Amino acid sequence: IALMIGIQEALGLDILVHGEPERTDMVEFFGQQMDGMLFSQNGWVQSFGSRCVRPPTFWSDISRPKAMTVREYKVAQALTKKPVKGMLTGPVTILNWSFPRVD
């Protein structure tokens, strides 16, 4: 996170992001932290170009048992005086990149 903040400050950006170094992809990271989603070990799907992802399967109602990005945001914000923007994948994207229940 420190490297990403340093690069953005060196480029003179006004609003920074933490760089997402802990994320495997924009859906899996969030899905693994929510109740009600399952991921296979080998269920890779080509999403675009040569990029592959492991879409989650919704097996029950989805819930968020705890905060997901607060720690990363706090670490990033402590490294700079500039504003740091939180980066979240929206619910429509998560749904579109998943295998939802049909009930």
C-alpha atoms as a PDB file:
ATOM      1  CA  ILE A   1       0.000   0.000   0.000  1.00  0.00           C
ATOM      2  CA  ALA A   2       2.866   2.378   0.810  1.00  0.00           C
ATOM      3  CA  LEU A   3       4.382   1.786  -2.640  1.00  0.00           C
ATOM      4  CA  MET A   4       1.064   2.539  -4.368  1.00  0.00           C
ATOM      5  CA  ILE A   5       0.515   5.728  -2.359  1.00  0.00           C
ATOM      6  CA  GLY A   6       4.102   6.840  -3.070  1.00  0.00           C
ATOM      7  CA  ILE A   7       3.724   6.297  -6.826  1.00  0.00           C
ATOM      8  CA  GLN A   8       0.481   8.277  -6.952  1.00  0.00           C
ATOM      9  CA  GLU A   9       1.934  11.135  -4.911  1.00  0.00           C
ATOM     10  CA  ALA A  10       5.007  11.238  -7.170  1.00  0.00           C
ATOM     11  CA  LEU A  11       2.670  11.514 -10.176  1.00  0.00           C
ATOM     12  CA  GLY A  12       0.937  14.467  -8.526  1.00  0.00           C
ATOM     13  CA  LEU A  13      -2.516  12.913  -8.361  1.00  0.00           C
ATOM     14  CA  ASP A  14      -5.071  14.817  -6.309  1.00  0.00           C
ATOM     15  CA  ILE A  15      -7.099  11.837  -5.031  1.00  0.00           C
ATOM     16  CA  LEU A  16      -5.367   8.549  -4.294  1.00  0.00           C
ATOM     17  CA  VAL A  17      -6.429   4.903  -3.994  1.00  0.00           C
ATOM     18  CA  HIS A  18      -4.774   2.191  -1.945  1.00  0.00           C
ATOM     19  CA  GLY A  19      -3.851   0.136  -5.032  1.00  0.00           C
ATOM     20  CA  GLU A  20      -5.769  -3.078  -4.201  1.00  0.00           C
ATOM     21  CA  PRO A  21      -2.667  -5.269  -3.605  1.00  0.00           C
ATOM     22  CA  GLU A  22      -4.653  -7.768  -1.506  1.00  0.00           C
ATOM     23  CA  ARG A  23      -7.370  -8.392  -4.109  1.00  0.00           C
ATOM     24  CA  THR A  24      -7.401 -11.386  -6.433  1.00  0.00           C
ATOM     25  CA  ASP A  25     -10.116  -9.779  -8.556  1.00  0.00           C
ATOM     26  CA  MET A  26     -12.900  -7.280  -8.053  1.00  0.00           C
ATOM     27  CA  VAL A  27     -15.574  -9.865  -7.181  1.00  0.00           C
ATOM     28  CA  GLU A  28     -13.703 -12.699  -5.456  1.00  0.00           C
ATOM     29  CA  PHE A  29     -12.151 -10.412  -2.827  1.00  0.00           C
ATOM     30  CA  PHE A  30     -15.545  -9.169  -1.654  1.00  0.00           C
ATOM     31  CA  GLY A  31     -17.376 -12.455  -2.150  1.00  0.00           C
ATOM     32  CA  GLN A  32     -14.941 -14.329   0.083  1.00  0.00           C
ATOM     33  CA  GLN A  33     -15.772 -11.930   2.902  1.00  0.00           C
ATOM     34  CA  MET A  34     -19.545 -12.328   2.612  1.00  0.00           C
ATOM     35  CA  ASP A  35     -21.713 -15.101   3.960  1.00  0.00           C
ATOM     36  CA  GLY A  36     -23.760 -16.979   1.373  1.00  0.00           C
ATOM     37  CA  MET A  37     -21.179 -17.201  -1.435  1.00  0.00           C
ATOM     38  CA  LEU A  38     -19.044 -20.189  -2.370  1.00  0.00           C
ATOM     39  CA  PHE A  39     -15.987 -20.348  -4.636  1.00  0.00           C
ATOM     40  CA  SER A  40     -14.678 -23.466  -6.356  1.00  0.00           C
ATOM     41  CA  GLN A  41     -10.981 -24.273  -6.430  1.00  0.00           C
ATOM     42  CA  ASN A  42     -10.898 -24.944 -10.177  1.00  0.00           C
ATOM     43  CA  GLY A  43     -13.957 -23.194 -11.628  1.00  0.00           C
ATOM     44  CA  TRP A  44     -12.108 -20.609 -13.694  1.00  0.00           C
ATOM     45  CA  VAL A  45     -14.098 -18.641 -16.299  1.00  0.00           C
ATOM     46  CA  GLN A  46     -12.617 -16.341 -18.935  1.00  0.00           C
ATOM     47  CA  SER A  47     -13.929 -12.849 -18.225  1.00  0.00           C
ATOM     48  CA  PHE A  48     -12.175 -10.779 -20.907  1.00  0.00           C
ATOM     49  CA  GLY A  49      -9.009 -11.133 -22.962  1.00  0.00           C
ATOM     50  CA  SER A  50      -6.724 -13.554 -21.174  1.00  0.00           C
ATOM     51  CA  ARG A  51      -8.198 -12.645 -17.756  1.00  0.00           C
ATOM     52  CA  CYS A  52      -9.867 -15.469 -15.851  1.00  0.00           C
ATOM     53  CA  VAL A  53     -11.878 -15.326 -12.631  1.00  0.00           C
ATOM     54  CA  ARG A  54     -13.569 -17.780 -10.261  1.00  0.00           C
ATOM     55  CA  PRO A  55     -17.188 -16.583 -10.100  1.00  0.00           C
ATOM     56  CA  PRO A  56     -18.983 -17.225  -6.824  1.00  0.00           C
ATOM     57  CA  THR A  57     -22.088 -19.332  -6.469  1.00  0.00           C
ATOM     58  CA  PHE A  58     -24.827 -17.906  -4.270  1.00  0.00           C
ATOM     59  CA  TRP A  59     -25.929 -20.734  -1.986  1.00  0.00           C
ATOM     60  CA  SER A  60     -27.928 -18.740   0.574  1.00  0.00           C
ATOM     61  CA  ASP A  61     -28.915 -15.186   1.425  1.00  0.00           C
ATOM     62  CA  ILE A  62     -25.943 -12.834   1.172  1.00  0.00           C
ATOM     63  CA  SER A  63     -24.785 -10.920   4.222  1.00  0.00           C
ATOM     64  CA  ARG A  64     -21.727  -8.951   5.255  1.00  0.00           C
ATOM     65  CA  PRO A  65     -20.574 -10.099   8.700  1.00  0.00           C
ATOM     66  CA  LYS A  66     -17.902  -7.403   9.124  1.00  0.00           C
ATOM     67  CA  ALA A  67     -16.354  -4.361   7.481  1.00  0.00           C
ATOM     68  CA  MET A  68     -14.404  -5.249   4.346  1.00  0.00           C
ATOM     69  CA  THR A  69     -12.005  -2.466   3.407  1.00  0.00           C
ATOM     70  CA  VAL A  70     -11.699  -0.272   6.493  1.00  0.00           C
ATOM     71  CA  ARG A  71      -8.233  -1.551   7.495  1.00  0.00           C
ATOM     72  CA  GLU A  72      -6.739  -0.994   4.028  1.00  0.00           C
ATOM     73  CA  TYR A  73      -8.300   2.462   3.784  1.00  0.00           C
ATOM     74  CA  LYS A  74      -6.948   3.506   7.194  1.00  0.00           C
ATOM     75  CA  VAL A  75      -3.445   2.281   6.334  1.00  0.00           C
ATOM     76  CA  ALA A  76      -3.489   4.176   3.022  1.00  0.00           C
ATOM     77  CA  GLN A  77      -4.904   7.383   4.534  1.00  0.00           C
ATOM     78  CA  ALA A  78      -2.260   7.355   7.275  1.00  0.00           C
ATOM     79  CA  LEU A  79       0.441   7.472   4.578  1.00  0.00           C
ATOM     80  CA  THR A  80      -0.690  10.718   2.942  1.00  0.00           C
ATOM     81  CA  LYS A  81      -2.294  14.089   3.608  1.00  0.00           C
ATOM     82  CA  LYS A  82      -4.227  13.826   0.309  1.00  0.00           C
ATOM     83  CA  PRO A  83      -7.689  12.246   0.253  1.00  0.00           C
ATOM     84  CA  VAL A  84      -7.808   8.495  -0.335  1.00  0.00           C
ATOM     85  CA  LYS A  85     -10.796   7.109  -2.217  1.00  0.00           C
ATOM     86  CA  GLY A  86     -12.291   3.815  -1.115  1.00  0.00           C
ATOM     87  CA  MET A  87     -12.688   1.260  -3.896  1.00  0.00           C
ATOM     88  CA  LEU A  88     -15.681  -1.062  -3.793  1.00  0.00           C
ATOM     89  CA  THR A  89     -17.202  -3.398  -6.347  1.00  0.00           C
ATOM     90  CA  GLY A  90     -20.904  -2.673  -6.628  1.00  0.00           C
ATOM     91  CA  PRO A  91     -23.662  -5.200  -6.051  1.00  0.00           C
ATOM     92  CA  VAL A  92     -24.749  -5.267  -9.718  1.00  0.00           C
ATOM     93  CA  THR A  93     -21.220  -6.170 -10.852  1.00  0.00           C
ATOM     94  CA  ILE A  94     -20.968  -8.869  -8.191  1.00  0.00           C
ATOM     95  CA  LEU A  95     -24.316 -10.298  -9.334  1.00  0.00           C
ATOM     96  CA  ASN A  96     -23.383 -10.148 -13.026  1.00  0.00           C
ATOM     97  CA  TRP A  97     -20.083 -11.955 -12.376  1.00  0.00           C
ATOM     98  CA  SER A  98     -21.711 -14.705 -10.262  1.00  0.00           C
ATOM     99  CA  PHE A  99     -23.905 -17.770 -10.481  1.00  0.00           C
ATOM    100  CA  PRO A 100     -26.992 -16.603  -8.566  1.00  0.00           C
ATOM    101  CA  ARG A 101     -29.719 -18.754  -7.075  1.00  0.00           C
ATOM    102  CA  VAL A 102     -32.933 -19.006  -9.061  1.00  0.00           C
ATOM    103  CA  ASP A 103     -35.444 -18.977  -6.218  1.00  0.00           C
END
